[in-house]
Amino acid sequence: MAKLTFGVGTSHGPLLMLAPENWDIRTESDKVFPGHPFKGQVYKYDELMALRRNNYLADMNAIETRRKQYDRCQVQLDRLGERLRAESPDVMVILGDDHKEWFLDDKLPAITVFTGDEVVNRGVKGPLHASDSIEEVSRRRHLTEDAIYPCASDLALRIVGQAVEDEFDIATSSVSPQAADGGPKCAGHAFTFIVRRLLQDKPIPMVPIIVNTYYPPNQPSAKRCWNFGQSIARAIKGWGKDTKVAIVASGGLSHFAIDEEFDQRVIAALQANDGEALYREPESLFQSGSSETKCWIMAAGALSDTGRKMDLMDYVPCYRSEAGTGNAMGFATWQ
């Protein structure tokens, strides 16, 4: 019988790949972004600046603080990678969002289980530019050639079967969508980051589960994510293989306007295995990048009946502007 033995929650934002001196590459995007959700309201950058500008945020955005926060994040990513590799799972189920890397406006499923045999991480060459997308920033760690990552299609199909039995209407995909050059589209950065940074480019079979946390109108609720996580756990338990499975939540926490109070409430609920507290958080707070926190909720739902508790290794709010934009980074395991 397969066993769900380990859980990981990690941020994956571009500030983890960019030197602190270059964080303003992303700040320029913040300034032109049409609306930043924050505490249930939506603000333009100048409005956020007027709302949040104070000495605390100026200090948090200072280059010395940026460097300190960056170094803290790298230490925790190294520790997470060590823990994951030491656990040595046979399969990873990775939960991540899709920034329209695979799916576009013509089809945007709420939850998609990839059932194919492999995905590709496309090589990217050349220096960073201010115009580079988050996805390009996330892939630029000296990957100049395409890399193939194996997928556990048999477990993916088991998860799909269990989801249907549990009356979840989900999408499936067995082939990577076609890119403009005729080749397969690159797997989303939520998935490639785990292999590149935590597994140090030594992939193990994965099941990518793509969750539309970002884009209205069909974002699954926090409760739906928790319940689907429990369905994943049932699928793993019923999978007739002597296999160790890890579940990985990729993304979060609050961004692009950092909300430390929201993050601390969510972290406390996750540590207490308190799904009800998570359901009470307004959906208006799970928007923009902060929506990726739902992947952590899905992982927590999967692990909720295993007896494993969340160990928060660190919480690091990385501010890149005095308007309070940036990415609150979280690193945790369930073991």
Protein backbone atom coordinates (compact mmCIF):
# COMPACT_ATOMS: atom_id res chain seq x y z
CA MET A 1 0.00 0.00 0.00
CA ALA A 2 1.26 3.48 -0.87
CA LYS A 3 1.86 5.86 2.02
CA LEU A 4 1.76 9.65 2.19
CA THR A 5 4.88 10.13 4.29
CA PHE A 6 5.97 13.74 3.87
CA GLY A 7 4.71 17.22 3.08
CA VAL A 8 6.42 20.41 1.92
CA GLY A 9 5.21 23.98 1.65
CA THR A 10 7.46 26.48 -0.10
CA SER A 11 7.30 29.83 -1.80
CA HIS A 12 8.64 29.96 -5.35
CA GLY A 13 8.64 33.67 -6.24
CA PRO A 14 11.24 35.36 -8.45
CA LEU A 15 12.82 37.19 -5.48
CA LEU A 16 14.24 33.81 -4.52
CA MET A 17 16.19 33.77 -7.79
CA LEU A 18 17.05 37.46 -8.10
CA ALA A 19 19.86 39.09 -6.14
CA PRO A 20 18.39 41.69 -3.71
CA GLU A 21 19.96 44.48 -5.76
CA ASN A 22 17.77 43.36 -8.67
CA TRP A 23 14.45 43.11 -6.87
CA ASP A 24 13.42 46.42 -8.43
CA ILE A 25 13.04 44.55 -11.73
CA ARG A 26 9.81 43.26 -10.18
CA THR A 27 8.99 46.60 -8.50
CA GLU A 28 8.70 48.15 -11.96
CA SER A 29 5.96 45.60 -12.70
CA ASP A 30 4.22 46.49 -9.43
CA LYS A 31 4.06 50.14 -10.46
CA VAL A 32 2.12 49.44 -13.65
CA PHE A 33 -0.04 46.60 -12.32
CA PRO A 34 -3.64 47.85 -12.55
CA GLY A 35 -4.90 46.65 -9.18
CA HIS A 36 -3.23 45.16 -6.08
CA PRO A 37 -5.62 43.32 -3.74
CA PHE A 38 -4.90 44.13 -0.09
CA LYS A 39 -7.11 43.37 2.92
CA GLY A 40 -10.19 42.94 0.78
CA GLN A 41 -9.77 46.10 -1.30
CA VAL A 42 -7.95 46.76 -4.58
CA TYR A 43 -5.38 49.55 -4.96
CA LYS A 44 -3.17 51.04 -7.63
CA TYR A 45 0.50 51.25 -6.70
CA ASP A 46 0.36 54.97 -5.84
CA GLU A 47 -2.66 54.33 -3.64
CA LEU A 48 -0.83 51.57 -1.83
CA MET A 49 2.11 53.90 -1.36
CA ALA A 50 -0.11 56.51 0.24
CA LEU A 51 -1.85 53.91 2.39
CA ARG A 52 1.20 52.02 3.64
CA ARG A 53 4.20 54.32 3.48
CA ASN A 54 5.87 54.53 6.87
CA ASN A 55 9.27 54.07 8.49
CA TYR A 56 8.71 50.35 8.98
CA LEU A 57 8.32 49.67 5.26
CA ALA A 58 11.21 51.98 4.39
CA ASP A 59 13.41 49.98 6.73
CA MET A 60 12.12 46.67 5.38
CA ASN A 61 12.93 47.78 1.83
CA ALA A 62 16.48 48.90 2.63
CA ILE A 63 19.14 46.98 0.73
CA GLU A 64 20.70 45.68 3.95
CA THR A 65 17.34 44.21 4.99
CA ARG A 66 16.72 42.79 1.52
CA ARG A 67 20.06 40.97 1.69
CA LYS A 68 19.30 39.61 5.15
CA GLN A 69 15.87 38.35 4.07
CA TYR A 70 17.27 36.84 0.88
CA ASP A 71 19.94 34.97 2.84
CA ARG A 72 17.33 33.64 5.28
CA CYS A 73 15.29 32.31 2.36
CA GLN A 74 18.29 30.57 0.77
CA VAL A 75 19.12 28.86 4.06
CA GLN A 76 15.57 27.51 4.33
CA LEU A 77 15.46 26.40 0.69
CA ASP A 78 18.66 24.47 1.29
CA ARG A 79 17.16 22.90 4.43
CA LEU A 80 13.92 22.04 2.63
CA GLY A 81 15.86 20.38 -0.15
CA GLU A 82 17.90 18.39 2.35
CA ARG A 83 14.78 17.21 4.15
CA LEU A 84 13.01 16.25 0.94
CA ARG A 85 16.00 14.38 -0.44
CA ALA A 86 16.57 12.63 2.91
CA GLU A 87 12.94 11.48 2.92
CA SER A 88 13.61 10.01 -0.55
CA PRO A 89 10.01 9.69 -1.75
CA ASP A 90 9.30 7.53 -4.77
CA VAL A 91 6.74 10.01 -6.12
CA MET A 92 5.87 13.66 -5.54
CA VAL A 93 2.41 15.14 -5.93
CA ILE A 94 3.05 18.82 -6.64
CA LEU A 95 0.26 21.35 -6.18
CA GLY A 96 0.78 24.61 -8.05
CA ASP A 97 -0.97 27.43 -9.81
CA ASP A 98 -0.75 28.27 -13.49
CA HIS A 99 0.02 31.86 -14.55
CA LYS A 100 -1.46 31.13 -17.97
CA GLU A 101 1.68 29.18 -18.75
CA TRP A 102 -0.39 26.23 -20.03
CA PHE A 103 -4.00 27.38 -19.98
CA LEU A 104 -5.29 30.58 -21.56
CA ASP A 105 -8.64 32.32 -21.68
CA ASP A 106 -10.08 29.82 -24.17
CA LYS A 107 -9.94 27.16 -21.42
CA LEU A 108 -9.09 27.74 -17.77
CA PRO A 109 -9.94 24.69 -15.60
CA ALA A 110 -10.30 25.07 -11.84
CA ILE A 111 -8.30 21.91 -11.07
CA THR A 112 -6.32 19.85 -13.60
CA VAL A 113 -4.50 16.56 -12.98
CA PHE A 114 -1.73 15.87 -15.48
CA THR A 115 -1.87 12.19 -16.44
CA GLY A 116 0.92 12.04 -19.03
CA ASP A 117 4.33 10.39 -18.74
CA GLU A 118 6.54 13.49 -18.80
CA VAL A 119 6.71 17.27 -18.86
CA VAL A 120 9.46 19.53 -20.17
CA ASN A 121 11.32 22.46 -18.66
CA ARG A 122 12.42 24.62 -21.59
CA GLY A 123 15.93 26.03 -21.54
CA VAL A 124 16.27 29.82 -21.50
CA LYS A 125 19.36 31.73 -22.59
CA GLY A 126 20.52 35.29 -22.10
CA PRO A 127 20.54 37.86 -19.31
CA LEU A 128 17.57 39.07 -17.30
CA HIS A 129 15.61 42.08 -18.49
CA ALA A 130 13.06 44.26 -16.74
CA SER A 131 10.44 43.04 -19.19
CA ASP A 132 10.98 39.35 -18.36
CA SER A 133 7.97 37.49 -17.05
CA ILE A 134 7.86 35.84 -13.65
CA GLU A 135 8.07 32.50 -15.43
CA GLU A 136 11.27 33.46 -17.26
CA VAL A 137 12.87 34.76 -14.06
CA SER A 138 11.98 31.52 -12.29
CA ARG A 139 13.62 29.38 -14.98
CA ARG A 140 16.85 31.34 -15.38
CA ARG A 141 19.14 29.31 -13.17
CA HIS A 142 21.64 28.28 -15.86
CA LEU A 143 19.15 25.99 -17.63
CA THR A 144 20.15 26.46 -21.26
CA GLU A 145 18.89 23.14 -22.64
CA ASP A 146 15.49 21.49 -22.35
CA ALA A 147 15.08 19.08 -19.42
CA ILE A 148 12.57 16.23 -19.29
CA TYR A 149 10.86 15.45 -15.97
CA PRO A 150 9.16 12.05 -15.54
CA CYS A 151 5.58 11.86 -14.30
CA ALA A 152 3.77 9.10 -12.37
CA SER A 153 0.82 8.63 -14.71
CA ASP A 154 -0.49 5.60 -12.82
CA LEU A 155 -0.88 7.54 -9.58
CA ALA A 156 -2.33 10.49 -11.52
CA LEU A 157 -5.04 8.23 -12.94
CA ARG A 158 -5.72 6.88 -9.46
CA ILE A 159 -6.19 10.45 -8.19
CA VAL A 160 -8.57 11.16 -11.06
CA GLY A 161 -10.59 8.02 -10.32
CA GLN A 162 -10.87 8.90 -6.65
CA ALA A 163 -11.86 12.47 -7.50
CA VAL A 164 -14.68 11.24 -9.72
CA GLU A 165 -15.83 8.89 -6.96
CA ASP A 166 -15.77 11.83 -4.54
CA GLU A 167 -17.86 13.88 -6.99
CA PHE A 168 -15.20 16.39 -7.97
CA ASP A 169 -15.51 17.68 -11.53
CA ILE A 170 -11.91 18.08 -12.60
CA ALA A 171 -9.99 18.41 -15.84
CA THR A 172 -7.26 16.08 -17.05
CA SER A 173 -4.40 16.59 -19.46
CA SER A 174 -2.19 13.81 -20.79
CA VAL A 175 -0.13 15.88 -23.23
CA SER A 176 1.64 19.21 -22.74
CA PRO A 177 0.00 21.99 -24.77
CA GLN A 178 1.83 23.11 -27.88
CA ALA A 179 4.08 26.16 -27.68
CA ALA A 180 4.41 28.77 -30.42
CA ASP A 181 7.53 27.06 -31.79
CA GLY A 182 5.65 23.78 -32.23
CA GLY A 183 7.26 22.07 -29.26
CA PRO A 184 5.63 21.35 -25.90
CA LYS A 185 4.94 24.23 -23.56
CA CYS A 186 7.20 24.49 -20.55
CA ALA A 187 5.79 23.08 -17.33
CA GLY A 188 4.70 25.87 -15.00
CA HIS A 189 7.27 27.47 -12.73
CA ALA A 190 5.39 26.17 -9.68
CA PHE A 191 6.56 22.69 -10.72
CA THR A 192 9.95 23.33 -12.31
CA PHE A 193 11.10 25.32 -9.25
CA ILE A 194 10.73 22.25 -7.04
CA VAL A 195 12.93 20.10 -9.28
CA ARG A 196 15.50 22.79 -9.95
CA ARG A 197 15.93 24.27 -6.46
CA LEU A 198 14.89 21.58 -3.98
CA LEU A 199 15.93 18.47 -5.90
CA GLN A 200 18.98 20.13 -7.47
CA ASP A 201 18.01 19.03 -10.99
CA LYS A 202 17.65 15.37 -10.00
CA PRO A 203 13.95 14.78 -10.75
CA ILE A 204 11.81 12.00 -9.34
CA PRO A 205 8.44 11.04 -10.84
CA MET A 206 5.80 13.66 -10.13
CA VAL A 207 2.08 14.21 -10.46
CA PRO A 208 1.51 17.88 -11.39
CA ILE A 209 -1.86 19.15 -10.17
CA ILE A 210 -2.60 22.58 -11.61
CA VAL A 211 -4.91 24.70 -9.49
CA ASN A 212 -6.44 27.89 -10.90
CA THR A 213 -5.92 29.99 -7.79
CA TYR A 214 -5.50 33.26 -9.74
CA TYR A 215 -8.17 33.88 -12.29
CA PRO A 216 -11.91 34.50 -11.76
CA PRO A 217 -14.56 33.31 -12.07
CA ASN A 218 -13.80 29.65 -11.28
CA GLN A 219 -11.20 29.76 -8.50
CA PRO A 220 -11.80 26.86 -6.09
CA SER A 221 -12.59 28.00 -2.56
CA ALA A 222 -10.34 27.31 0.43
CA LYS A 223 -12.79 24.65 1.60
CA ARG A 224 -12.84 23.04 -1.84
CA CYS A 225 -9.05 22.90 -1.83
CA TRP A 226 -8.95 21.29 1.63
CA ASN A 227 -11.53 18.70 0.59
CA PHE A 228 -9.74 17.92 -2.65
CA GLY A 229 -6.54 17.43 -0.68
CA GLN A 230 -8.38 14.80 1.37
CA SER A 231 -9.47 13.13 -1.87
CA ILE A 232 -5.82 13.00 -2.98
CA ALA A 233 -4.93 11.32 0.32
CA ARG A 234 -7.62 8.69 -0.21
CA ALA A 235 -6.28 8.02 -3.70
CA ILE A 236 -2.75 7.54 -2.40
CA LYS A 237 -3.95 5.23 0.38
CA GLY A 238 -5.86 3.13 -2.15
CA TRP A 239 -3.00 2.95 -4.65
CA GLY A 240 -1.85 -0.65 -4.68
CA LYS A 241 1.88 -0.02 -4.67
CA ASP A 242 4.48 -0.19 -1.90
CA THR A 243 5.46 3.43 -2.48
CA LYS A 244 6.39 6.51 -0.45
CA VAL A 245 4.62 9.64 -1.65
CA ALA A 246 5.39 13.26 -0.76
CA ILE A 247 2.99 16.14 -1.34
CA VAL A 248 4.42 19.55 -2.18
CA ALA A 249 2.59 22.89 -2.04
CA SER A 250 4.36 25.35 -4.34
CA GLY A 251 3.69 29.09 -4.06
CA GLY A 252 2.51 31.74 -1.63
CA LEU A 253 2.38 33.30 0.82
CA SER A 254 0.88 36.81 0.54
CA HIS A 255 1.93 38.84 -2.49
CA PHE A 256 2.18 41.08 -4.34
CA ALA A 257 0.98 43.35 -1.55
CA ILE A 258 2.32 41.62 1.56
CA ASP A 259 -0.24 41.09 4.34
CA GLU A 260 1.61 39.73 7.37
CA GLU A 261 -1.53 39.57 9.54
CA PHE A 262 -3.28 37.34 6.99
CA ASP A 263 -0.21 35.13 6.69
CA GLN A 264 0.06 34.65 10.44
CA ARG A 265 -3.60 33.65 10.74
CA VAL A 266 -3.22 31.12 7.93
CA ILE A 267 0.01 29.71 9.37
CA ALA A 268 -1.58 29.32 12.81
CA ALA A 269 -4.55 27.48 11.30
CA LEU A 270 -2.28 25.19 9.30
CA GLN A 271 -0.20 24.40 12.37
CA ALA A 272 -3.37 23.61 14.32
CA ASN A 273 -4.78 21.49 11.47
CA ASP A 274 -7.84 23.75 11.68
CA GLY A 275 -9.67 23.65 8.39
CA GLU A 276 -12.63 25.59 9.77
CA ALA A 277 -10.41 28.59 10.54
CA LEU A 278 -9.13 28.56 6.97
CA TYR A 279 -12.67 28.43 5.55
CA ARG A 280 -13.56 31.56 7.55
CA GLU A 281 -10.94 33.66 5.77
CA PRO A 282 -12.72 35.81 3.15
CA GLU A 283 -12.18 34.83 -0.46
CA SER A 284 -11.24 38.46 -1.12
CA LEU A 285 -7.96 37.80 0.72
CA PHE A 286 -7.06 34.83 -1.51
CA GLN A 287 -6.45 36.95 -4.61
CA SER A 288 -3.49 37.77 -6.85
CA GLY A 289 -0.34 36.00 -5.65
CA SER A 290 -1.82 35.43 -2.20
CA SER A 291 -4.17 32.96 -3.85
CA GLU A 292 -1.30 30.46 -4.06
CA THR A 293 -1.76 29.92 -0.33
CA LYS A 294 -4.63 27.64 -1.34
CA CYS A 295 -2.03 25.11 -2.51
CA TRP A 296 -0.82 24.95 1.10
CA ILE A 297 -4.42 24.43 2.20
CA MET A 298 -4.81 21.59 -0.29
CA ALA A 299 -1.63 19.95 1.01
CA ALA A 300 -2.80 20.39 4.60
CA GLY A 301 -6.10 18.75 3.71
CA ALA A 302 -4.22 15.77 2.27
CA LEU A 303 -2.12 15.47 5.42
CA SER A 304 -4.90 16.24 7.90
CA ASP A 305 -5.57 12.61 8.88
CA THR A 306 -1.95 11.41 8.89
CA GLY A 307 -1.01 12.71 12.33
CA ARG A 308 1.79 14.80 10.84
CA LYS A 309 2.08 18.37 12.09
CA MET A 310 3.32 21.35 10.15
CA ASP A 311 6.79 22.51 11.17
CA LEU A 312 7.18 26.15 10.12
CA MET A 313 10.86 26.50 9.37
CA ASP A 314 10.70 30.25 8.68
CA TYR A 315 8.44 33.07 7.56
CA VAL A 316 10.28 35.82 5.70
CA PRO A 317 8.44 38.91 4.39
CA CYS A 318 10.55 40.18 1.47
CA TYR A 319 9.55 43.78 0.72
CA ARG A 320 10.66 45.34 -2.54
CA SER A 321 8.98 48.76 -2.21
CA GLU A 322 7.78 51.26 0.36
CA ALA A 323 4.27 50.57 -0.94
CA GLY A 324 4.50 47.18 0.76
CA THR A 325 4.79 45.13 -2.39
CA GLY A 326 6.95 42.05 -2.47
CA ASN A 327 6.53 38.41 -1.49
CA ALA A 328 6.06 36.94 1.96
CA MET A 329 8.04 33.70 1.82
CA GLY A 330 7.11 30.60 3.79
CA PHE A 331 8.96 27.33 4.27
CA ALA A 332 7.50 24.32 6.08
CA THR A 333 7.38 20.55 6.28
CA TRP A 334 4.86 18.03 7.56
CA GLN A 335 6.76 15.00 8.85
